[in-house]
Amino acid sequence: MPEIFFEKSPPTTTCMHTQELYYRLALSLVNGIGPVKYKKLISVFGSAEETFRQNFKSLRQTGLLTDGNAAALKSFDDFKLVDRELQYTADHQIHIRCFDDENYPQRLANCVDSPSLLFQKGDVDLNSQRVLSVIGTRAFTEYGRRMCEEMIEQLKGYHAVIVSGMAYGIDIIAHKACVKHSTPTVGVLAHGLHMIYPPAHAPVAKEMLQQGALLSEYFSHSALEKGNFPTRNRIVAGLSDATIVVETDVRGGSMITADIAFSYNREVYCFPGRSIDTKSAGCNLLIRKLKGQLITSADDIARELGWKQMPKPRAVQKELFIMMSEDEKTLLAILQQKQPVHIDELMQLANLNSSQIAAAMLNLEMMNIIHIIPGKMIGLNN
C-alpha cells in the first residue's frame, strides 16, 4: 500500500537517543522473541545491548530461549531496518515509547503481554487521569451510531481520552465524534505509522492529531497482515480504565477486545439491545455472563468509575479583559480565532518566550478563561 499519510516534520525526541535504543529496536525484530521474553531478557542482562553481547550458551542458560530463539538472536543482522526506522521516526515526529519509559502508558505496562515498544504520532498524554476505550461492530445500526455519538458528546464534560481502533463502523464513529467535540482521541493501528488503513480514514486521522494521537507497536514500514488486528486489540483494552462495547454480534473483534479487557481486570460496559437484534447480541451476552455491566449513558459510566463532571466554565467578562496584561490579551485573541492550539504553536503565534507564556497561561487559567487539554493543547472556556 502506498505511503499516503505523513509529510516530513522537524526532528523530535524519542525515549532514548542512545545506543541502547538502537539495540532495543533490533531486539524487537528477532524472530521468536515476543514482548514477554524481550522484557525478561533486558531484566536478566540489564540492557538490550548487553543481551546482544551474550554468547549462545549464556542465552540458553536463562531458560527463556529455545535453541532456535538463541540462534536467531546471534545471527541477527538486519540493522539497516533499525537505521531506517530511527531516520523515519525522527523525520516525522514519531515518539518511540519503551516499555520502561515514564511516558509509556502505565495502564498498559501493567499487562503482562504489553508491547515492548510503542510508536506514537501526536502529543496526547497516554497516562491521562481518565481514559476509555470505545469499540463495536463494523456493520453498525442507526441505534449503535446514535448511542456512540451521544455518549461521546456527554463524555466531553468529564475530560476523558477516548481510545479506539480506527476501523470501519463504531471505531471511526467514535473518533469522528471526538474530533467534533474537541475530545482527545487515540487511534491504535494494526500497521506501521507510514500509512492509514483503511485509506478513507486518513483525513480523520489528520484531524485527530490536532488533539490526540495515533499509536502502533509495528515498525513504520511493516506490512499490513490480517493477524495484526486481533493482536492490536490487547492495546485498545490495556490503555484504558474501562472498555465500552457499543454494539456487536456474538463473534468478532469487539468480543475479543472485551474478553481481553475482562482478563486484565478492567471494567467492561455494554449498551443493551433487544433480544431480536443480532448486532446487540454480543452486548447482551456479555451482560448475561456478568462480563459487562449494563449502561445507557455516559453518566452511568462516570458513576461506576467515580468520576465527577468538570465544572462548567464561566463566560469571559469585560472586566476580566480590562484586568489582563498585554501578553494575556495576545493569547486570548489567538484562541478566539483558533482553538484548541498546541502550546508550542501558541508560543510561536504570540511571539512570547516560555516564561512569558507560562505566566500568562497561569493567570488565564486562574481566571477560568482557558483550560489545558491532554497533549499540551490549550482551549478557550465557553
Protein backbone atom coordinates (compact mmCIF):
# COMPACT_ATOMS: atom_id res chain seq x y z
CA MET A 1 0.00 0.00 0.00
CA PRO A 2 1.45 3.43 -0.86
CA GLU A 3 2.59 5.87 1.78
CA ILE A 4 -0.19 8.42 1.92
CA PHE A 5 -0.16 9.96 5.31
CA PHE A 6 2.71 11.93 6.81
CA GLU A 7 4.89 14.65 5.43
CA LYS A 8 8.29 15.27 6.93
CA SER A 9 8.43 17.36 10.09
CA PRO A 10 11.21 18.83 12.25
CA PRO A 11 13.05 16.18 14.28
CA THR A 12 11.62 15.17 17.65
CA THR A 13 12.91 13.29 20.68
CA THR A 14 12.42 9.60 21.40
CA CYS A 15 12.60 7.55 24.57
CA MET A 16 16.40 7.37 24.44
CA HIS A 17 18.71 8.74 21.75
CA THR A 18 21.37 6.22 22.67
CA GLN A 19 22.96 3.05 21.52
CA GLU A 20 20.60 1.22 23.88
CA LEU A 21 17.58 2.38 21.89
CA TYR A 22 19.27 1.09 18.76
CA TYR A 23 19.63 -2.37 20.29
CA ARG A 24 16.12 -2.32 21.73
CA LEU A 25 14.72 -1.76 18.27
CA ALA A 26 16.91 -4.56 16.94
CA LEU A 27 15.88 -6.97 19.72
CA SER A 28 12.22 -6.40 18.87
CA LEU A 29 12.92 -7.69 15.36
CA VAL A 30 14.45 -11.02 16.39
CA ASN A 31 12.25 -13.96 15.42
CA GLY A 32 10.72 -15.78 18.37
CA ILE A 33 11.32 -13.03 20.93
CA GLY A 34 7.96 -11.54 21.82
CA PRO A 35 7.19 -8.87 24.42
CA VAL A 36 7.36 -11.21 27.43
CA LYS A 37 10.75 -12.72 26.56
CA TYR A 38 12.00 -9.30 25.46
CA LYS A 39 11.36 -7.71 28.85
CA LYS A 40 12.76 -10.67 30.77
CA LEU A 41 15.97 -10.68 28.74
CA ILE A 42 16.55 -6.98 29.47
CA SER A 43 15.82 -7.64 33.13
CA VAL A 44 18.31 -10.54 33.27
CA PHE A 45 21.16 -8.88 31.33
CA GLY A 46 20.47 -5.25 32.25
CA SER A 47 20.05 -3.91 28.73
CA ALA A 48 19.27 -4.88 25.15
CA GLU A 49 22.84 -4.06 24.15
CA GLU A 50 24.22 -6.47 26.74
CA THR A 51 21.74 -9.12 25.60
CA PHE A 52 23.25 -8.97 22.11
CA ARG A 53 26.74 -9.38 23.61
CA GLN A 54 25.90 -12.73 25.21
CA ASN A 55 27.12 -15.98 23.69
CA PHE A 56 24.78 -18.79 22.70
CA LYS A 57 25.37 -20.71 25.94
CA SER A 58 24.58 -17.72 28.18
CA LEU A 59 21.36 -17.04 26.29
CA ARG A 60 20.23 -20.65 26.64
CA GLN A 61 21.12 -20.78 30.34
CA THR A 62 18.49 -18.14 31.10
CA GLY A 63 15.81 -20.71 30.35
CA LEU A 64 13.97 -18.06 28.38
CA LEU A 65 15.04 -19.02 24.86
CA THR A 66 14.93 -22.15 22.76
CA ASP A 67 17.88 -23.13 20.62
CA GLY A 68 16.08 -21.55 17.69
CA ASN A 69 15.48 -18.28 19.59
CA ALA A 70 19.10 -18.02 20.68
CA ALA A 71 20.37 -18.82 17.19
CA ALA A 72 18.07 -16.17 15.70
CA LEU A 73 19.41 -13.57 18.10
CA LYS A 74 23.06 -14.43 17.47
CA SER A 75 22.59 -14.39 13.71
CA PHE A 76 20.50 -11.20 13.55
CA ASP A 77 21.96 -8.75 11.03
CA ASP A 78 19.01 -6.63 9.84
CA PHE A 79 20.39 -3.43 11.35
CA LYS A 80 19.60 -1.47 8.18
CA LEU A 81 15.94 -1.75 9.15
CA VAL A 82 16.77 -0.21 12.53
CA ASP A 83 18.61 2.65 10.83
CA ARG A 84 15.65 3.22 8.55
CA GLU A 85 13.20 3.30 11.47
CA LEU A 86 15.23 5.77 13.50
CA GLN A 87 15.50 8.07 10.49
CA TYR A 88 11.79 7.81 9.69
CA THR A 89 10.66 8.49 13.26
CA ALA A 90 12.98 11.49 13.51
CA ASP A 91 11.77 12.90 10.18
CA HIS A 92 8.08 12.53 11.05
CA GLN A 93 7.96 13.48 14.74
CA ILE A 94 7.14 9.98 15.93
CA HIS A 95 7.91 9.22 19.56
CA ILE A 96 9.31 5.81 20.48
CA ARG A 97 7.96 4.68 23.85
CA CYS A 98 9.98 1.91 25.51
CA PHE A 99 8.18 -0.36 27.99
CA ASP A 100 10.10 1.06 30.97
CA ASP A 101 9.77 4.75 30.00
CA GLU A 102 7.84 7.11 32.25
CA ASN A 103 5.89 8.19 29.15
CA TYR A 104 4.91 4.63 28.29
CA PRO A 105 1.20 4.17 29.17
CA GLN A 106 1.28 2.76 32.69
CA ARG A 107 -2.13 1.07 32.47
CA LEU A 108 -0.81 -0.90 29.51
CA ALA A 109 2.52 -1.57 31.22
CA ASN A 110 0.62 -3.49 33.91
CA CYS A 111 -0.48 -6.05 31.30
CA VAL A 112 1.94 -8.98 31.02
CA ASP A 113 1.79 -9.08 27.21
CA SER A 114 2.05 -5.34 26.62
CA PRO A 115 4.24 -4.26 23.66
CA SER A 116 7.93 -3.83 24.32
CA LEU A 117 7.88 -0.68 22.15
CA LEU A 118 5.21 1.74 21.01
CA PHE A 119 5.40 4.29 18.21
CA GLN A 120 3.33 7.41 18.86
CA LYS A 121 2.41 10.22 16.48
CA GLY A 122 0.80 13.08 18.40
CA ASP A 123 1.36 14.51 21.86
CA VAL A 124 -1.64 13.35 23.88
CA ASP A 125 -0.74 12.10 27.37
CA LEU A 126 -1.29 8.32 27.37
CA ASN A 127 -1.25 8.47 31.18
CA SER A 128 -4.13 10.92 31.41
CA GLN A 129 -6.27 10.63 34.51
CA ARG A 130 -9.31 9.34 32.59
CA VAL A 131 -9.06 7.03 29.59
CA LEU A 132 -11.85 4.99 27.97
CA SER A 133 -11.81 2.54 25.06
CA VAL A 134 -14.82 2.53 22.76
CA ILE A 135 -15.39 -0.47 20.49
CA GLY A 136 -18.11 -2.04 18.39
CA THR A 137 -19.15 -3.69 15.17
CA ARG A 138 -18.20 -2.51 11.70
CA ALA A 139 -21.75 -3.27 10.48
CA PHE A 140 -23.44 -0.86 12.89
CA THR A 141 -27.10 0.08 13.04
CA GLU A 142 -28.63 3.51 13.47
CA TYR A 143 -29.11 2.66 17.15
CA GLY A 144 -25.39 1.94 17.57
CA ARG A 145 -24.37 5.13 15.78
CA ARG A 146 -26.70 7.21 17.93
CA MET A 147 -25.58 5.61 21.22
CA CYS A 148 -21.93 6.14 20.33
CA GLU A 149 -22.27 9.76 19.24
CA GLU A 150 -24.45 10.72 22.21
CA MET A 151 -22.07 9.04 24.65
CA ILE A 152 -19.03 10.89 23.24
CA GLU A 153 -20.89 14.18 23.42
CA GLN A 154 -21.86 13.52 27.04
CA LEU A 155 -18.32 12.48 27.97
CA LYS A 156 -16.93 15.87 26.94
CA GLY A 157 -17.71 17.24 30.39
CA TYR A 158 -15.57 14.55 32.02
CA HIS A 159 -12.38 15.38 30.05
CA ALA A 160 -11.63 11.76 29.17
CA VAL A 161 -9.30 10.49 26.45
CA ILE A 162 -11.10 8.12 24.06
CA VAL A 163 -9.28 5.13 22.53
CA SER A 164 -10.42 3.07 19.56
CA GLY A 165 -9.04 1.13 16.61
CA MET A 166 -9.58 3.34 13.51
CA ALA A 167 -11.68 0.59 11.87
CA TYR A 168 -14.91 0.95 9.92
CA GLY A 169 -18.08 1.22 11.97
CA ILE A 170 -18.23 2.16 15.64
CA ASP A 171 -14.48 2.86 15.84
CA ILE A 172 -14.45 5.65 13.29
CA ILE A 173 -17.81 6.99 14.52
CA ALA A 174 -16.23 7.40 17.96
CA HIS A 175 -13.13 9.11 16.55
CA LYS A 176 -15.19 11.48 14.40
CA ALA A 177 -17.40 12.38 17.37
CA CYS A 178 -14.30 13.16 19.43
CA VAL A 179 -12.98 15.48 16.71
CA LYS A 180 -16.37 17.20 16.56
CA HIS A 181 -16.43 17.79 20.32
CA SER A 182 -12.70 18.62 20.74
CA THR A 183 -12.16 15.48 22.82
CA PRO A 184 -8.67 13.90 22.77
CA THR A 185 -8.75 10.57 20.97
CA VAL A 186 -6.16 7.86 20.29
CA GLY A 187 -6.31 5.56 17.28
CA VAL A 188 -4.50 2.24 17.75
CA LEU A 189 -3.29 0.94 14.39
CA ALA A 190 -2.69 -2.64 13.25
CA HIS A 191 0.17 -1.50 11.00
CA GLY A 192 3.03 0.98 10.88
CA LEU A 193 2.62 4.74 11.02
CA HIS A 194 3.62 5.30 7.40
CA MET A 195 0.01 4.90 6.29
CA ILE A 196 -3.60 4.74 7.43
CA TYR A 197 -5.83 1.72 6.83
CA PRO A 198 -8.46 1.97 5.61
CA PRO A 199 -7.21 4.88 3.43
CA ALA A 200 -10.63 6.55 3.64
CA HIS A 201 -9.92 7.33 7.31
CA ALA A 202 -6.73 9.30 6.61
CA PRO A 203 -8.48 12.73 6.75
CA VAL A 204 -9.98 11.87 10.14
CA ALA A 205 -6.58 10.67 11.37
CA LYS A 206 -5.02 14.02 10.46
CA GLU A 207 -7.72 15.87 12.37
CA MET A 208 -7.22 13.58 15.36
CA LEU A 209 -3.56 14.60 15.58
CA GLN A 210 -4.62 18.15 16.49
CA GLN A 211 -5.80 16.91 19.88
CA GLY A 212 -4.94 13.23 20.09
CA ALA A 213 -2.55 10.61 18.75
CA LEU A 214 -2.01 7.56 16.59
CA LEU A 215 -0.33 4.56 18.17
CA SER A 216 1.27 1.39 16.84
CA GLU A 217 3.57 -1.38 18.04
CA TYR A 218 4.84 -2.00 14.50
CA PHE A 219 7.82 -0.55 12.67
CA SER A 220 6.74 2.21 10.33
CA HIS A 221 7.02 0.22 7.11
CA SER A 222 5.70 -3.08 8.43
CA ALA A 223 3.38 -4.95 6.09
CA LEU A 224 -0.32 -4.96 6.89
CA GLU A 225 -1.20 -8.51 7.98
CA LYS A 226 -4.60 -9.90 8.93
CA GLY A 227 -3.25 -11.34 12.18
CA ASN A 228 -2.28 -7.88 13.40
CA PHE A 229 -5.88 -6.87 14.07
CA PRO A 230 -6.68 -9.21 16.98
CA THR A 231 -3.18 -8.55 18.37
CA ARG A 232 -3.89 -4.82 18.23
CA ASN A 233 -6.99 -5.33 20.36
CA ARG A 234 -4.98 -6.01 23.52
CA ILE A 235 -3.54 -2.49 23.28
CA VAL A 236 -7.01 -0.97 22.93
CA ALA A 237 -8.12 -2.88 26.04
CA GLY A 238 -4.96 -2.26 28.05
CA LEU A 239 -4.70 1.51 27.54
CA SER A 240 -7.89 2.37 29.40
CA ASP A 241 -9.71 2.31 32.72
CA ALA A 242 -12.72 0.71 31.05
CA THR A 243 -13.88 -0.61 27.68
CA ILE A 244 -17.26 0.45 26.30
CA VAL A 245 -18.92 -2.01 23.91
CA VAL A 246 -21.46 -0.01 21.93
CA GLU A 247 -22.86 -2.66 19.60
CA THR A 248 -21.60 -6.08 18.46
CA ASP A 249 -22.59 -9.53 17.34
CA VAL A 250 -21.55 -12.57 19.41
CA ARG A 251 -18.43 -13.00 17.24
CA GLY A 252 -15.81 -10.57 16.05
CA GLY A 253 -13.04 -8.27 17.17
CA SER A 254 -15.14 -6.40 19.71
CA MET A 255 -15.87 -9.58 21.66
CA ILE A 256 -12.15 -10.43 21.61
CA THR A 257 -11.30 -6.98 22.96
CA ALA A 258 -13.98 -7.20 25.65
CA ASP A 259 -12.65 -10.59 26.77
CA ILE A 260 -9.11 -9.22 26.91
CA ALA A 261 -10.24 -6.22 28.97
CA PHE A 262 -12.06 -8.57 31.33
CA SER A 263 -8.90 -10.71 31.67
CA TYR A 264 -6.96 -7.55 32.56
CA ASN A 265 -9.45 -6.90 35.39
CA ARG A 266 -10.65 -3.75 33.64
CA GLU A 267 -14.27 -2.66 33.68
CA VAL A 268 -16.39 -3.56 30.65
CA TYR A 269 -19.60 -1.62 29.97
CA CYS A 270 -22.21 -2.53 27.35
CA PHE A 271 -25.19 -0.83 25.77
CA PRO A 272 -28.02 -3.40 25.76
CA GLY A 273 -30.25 -4.15 22.79
CA ARG A 274 -33.42 -6.04 22.01
CA SER A 275 -33.15 -9.81 22.11
CA ILE A 276 -34.03 -9.99 18.40
CA ASP A 277 -31.26 -7.57 17.33
CA THR A 278 -28.24 -9.57 16.17
CA LYS A 279 -25.95 -6.53 16.34
CA SER A 280 -26.69 -6.26 20.07
CA ALA A 281 -26.40 -10.00 20.74
CA GLY A 282 -22.76 -9.70 21.82
CA CYS A 283 -23.50 -6.91 24.31
CA ASN A 284 -26.44 -8.85 25.72
CA LEU A 285 -24.26 -11.95 26.05
CA LEU A 286 -21.53 -10.08 27.91
CA ILE A 287 -24.12 -8.66 30.30
CA ARG A 288 -25.73 -12.07 30.82
CA LYS A 289 -22.36 -13.70 31.58
CA LEU A 290 -21.56 -10.87 34.03
CA LYS A 291 -18.54 -9.84 31.99
CA GLY A 292 -20.04 -6.46 31.16
CA GLN A 293 -22.16 -4.01 33.11
CA LEU A 294 -25.27 -2.57 31.51
CA ILE A 295 -25.15 1.16 30.75
CA THR A 296 -27.48 3.54 28.94
CA SER A 297 -25.46 6.79 29.01
CA ALA A 298 -22.10 8.37 29.77
CA ASP A 299 -23.39 9.31 33.22
CA ASP A 300 -23.68 5.60 34.03
CA ILE A 301 -20.02 5.15 33.14
CA ALA A 302 -18.94 8.15 35.22
CA ARG A 303 -20.99 6.98 38.20
CA GLU A 304 -19.49 3.48 38.10
CA LEU A 305 -15.94 4.86 37.82
CA GLY A 306 -16.49 7.51 40.47
CA TRP A 307 -15.91 10.40 38.09
CA LYS A 308 -17.28 13.85 38.73
CA GLN A 309 -18.09 16.17 35.86
CA MET A 310 -15.79 19.14 35.47
CA PRO A 311 -17.43 22.44 36.49
CA LYS A 312 -18.94 24.37 33.60
CA PRO A 313 -16.75 27.34 32.67
CA ARG A 314 -17.95 30.86 33.28
CA ALA A 315 -18.27 33.36 30.46
CA VAL A 316 -15.36 35.74 29.95
CA GLN A 317 -16.47 39.14 31.17
CA LYS A 318 -15.36 42.59 30.03
CA GLU A 319 -13.98 43.38 33.50
CA LEU A 320 -11.55 40.49 33.23
CA PHE A 321 -10.34 41.69 29.84
CA ILE A 322 -9.56 45.12 31.30
CA MET A 323 -7.52 43.47 34.07
CA MET A 324 -5.43 41.37 31.67
CA SER A 325 -1.82 42.06 30.78
CA GLU A 326 -0.84 42.59 27.15
CA ASP A 327 0.57 39.05 26.99
CA GLU A 328 -2.71 37.61 28.29
CA LYS A 329 -4.74 39.64 25.79
CA THR A 330 -2.49 38.39 22.98
CA LEU A 331 -3.10 34.75 23.93
CA LEU A 332 -6.83 35.33 24.26
CA ALA A 333 -7.01 36.95 20.81
CA ILE A 334 -5.24 33.94 19.25
CA LEU A 335 -7.53 31.44 20.99
CA GLN A 336 -10.62 33.35 19.90
CA GLN A 337 -9.51 32.84 16.29
CA LYS A 338 -8.40 29.21 16.61
CA GLN A 339 -8.72 26.54 19.27
CA PRO A 340 -7.55 24.24 20.61
CA VAL A 341 -3.95 25.22 19.95
CA HIS A 342 -0.80 23.31 20.88
CA ILE A 343 1.32 25.23 23.39
CA ASP A 344 4.31 25.29 21.01
CA GLU A 345 2.19 26.82 18.24
CA LEU A 346 0.66 29.28 20.69
CA MET A 347 4.12 30.40 21.79
CA GLN A 348 5.14 30.91 18.16
CA LEU A 349 1.98 32.81 17.19
CA ALA A 350 2.18 35.05 20.26
CA ASN A 351 5.93 35.63 19.83
CA LEU A 352 6.48 35.07 23.55
CA ASN A 353 9.22 33.16 25.34
CA SER A 354 8.49 30.16 27.58
CA SER A 355 8.44 32.11 30.85
CA GLN A 356 6.14 34.80 29.44
CA ILE A 357 3.67 32.30 28.06
CA ALA A 358 3.73 30.22 31.25
CA ALA A 359 2.89 33.26 33.37
CA ALA A 360 0.14 34.42 31.02
CA MET A 361 -1.40 30.96 30.80
CA LEU A 362 -1.37 30.54 34.58
CA ASN A 363 -3.28 33.78 35.08
CA LEU A 364 -5.79 32.98 32.32
CA GLU A 365 -6.38 29.55 33.82
CA MET A 366 -6.90 31.04 37.30
CA MET A 367 -9.47 33.42 35.77
CA ASN A 368 -11.22 30.34 34.29
CA ILE A 369 -10.71 31.66 30.77
CA ILE A 370 -8.68 28.78 29.37
CA HIS A 371 -8.25 25.07 30.10
CA ILE A 372 -5.47 22.60 29.39
CA ILE A 373 -6.35 19.62 27.21
CA PRO A 374 -4.22 16.42 27.35
CA GLY A 375 -1.49 16.58 24.74
CA LYS A 376 -0.37 20.16 25.62
CA MET A 377 -3.37 21.65 23.85
CA ILE A 378 -4.92 24.91 25.07
CA GLY A 379 -8.65 25.53 24.80
CA LEU A 380 -10.87 28.53 25.49
CA ASN A 381 -13.69 28.13 28.00
CA ASN A 382 -17.19 28.92 26.82
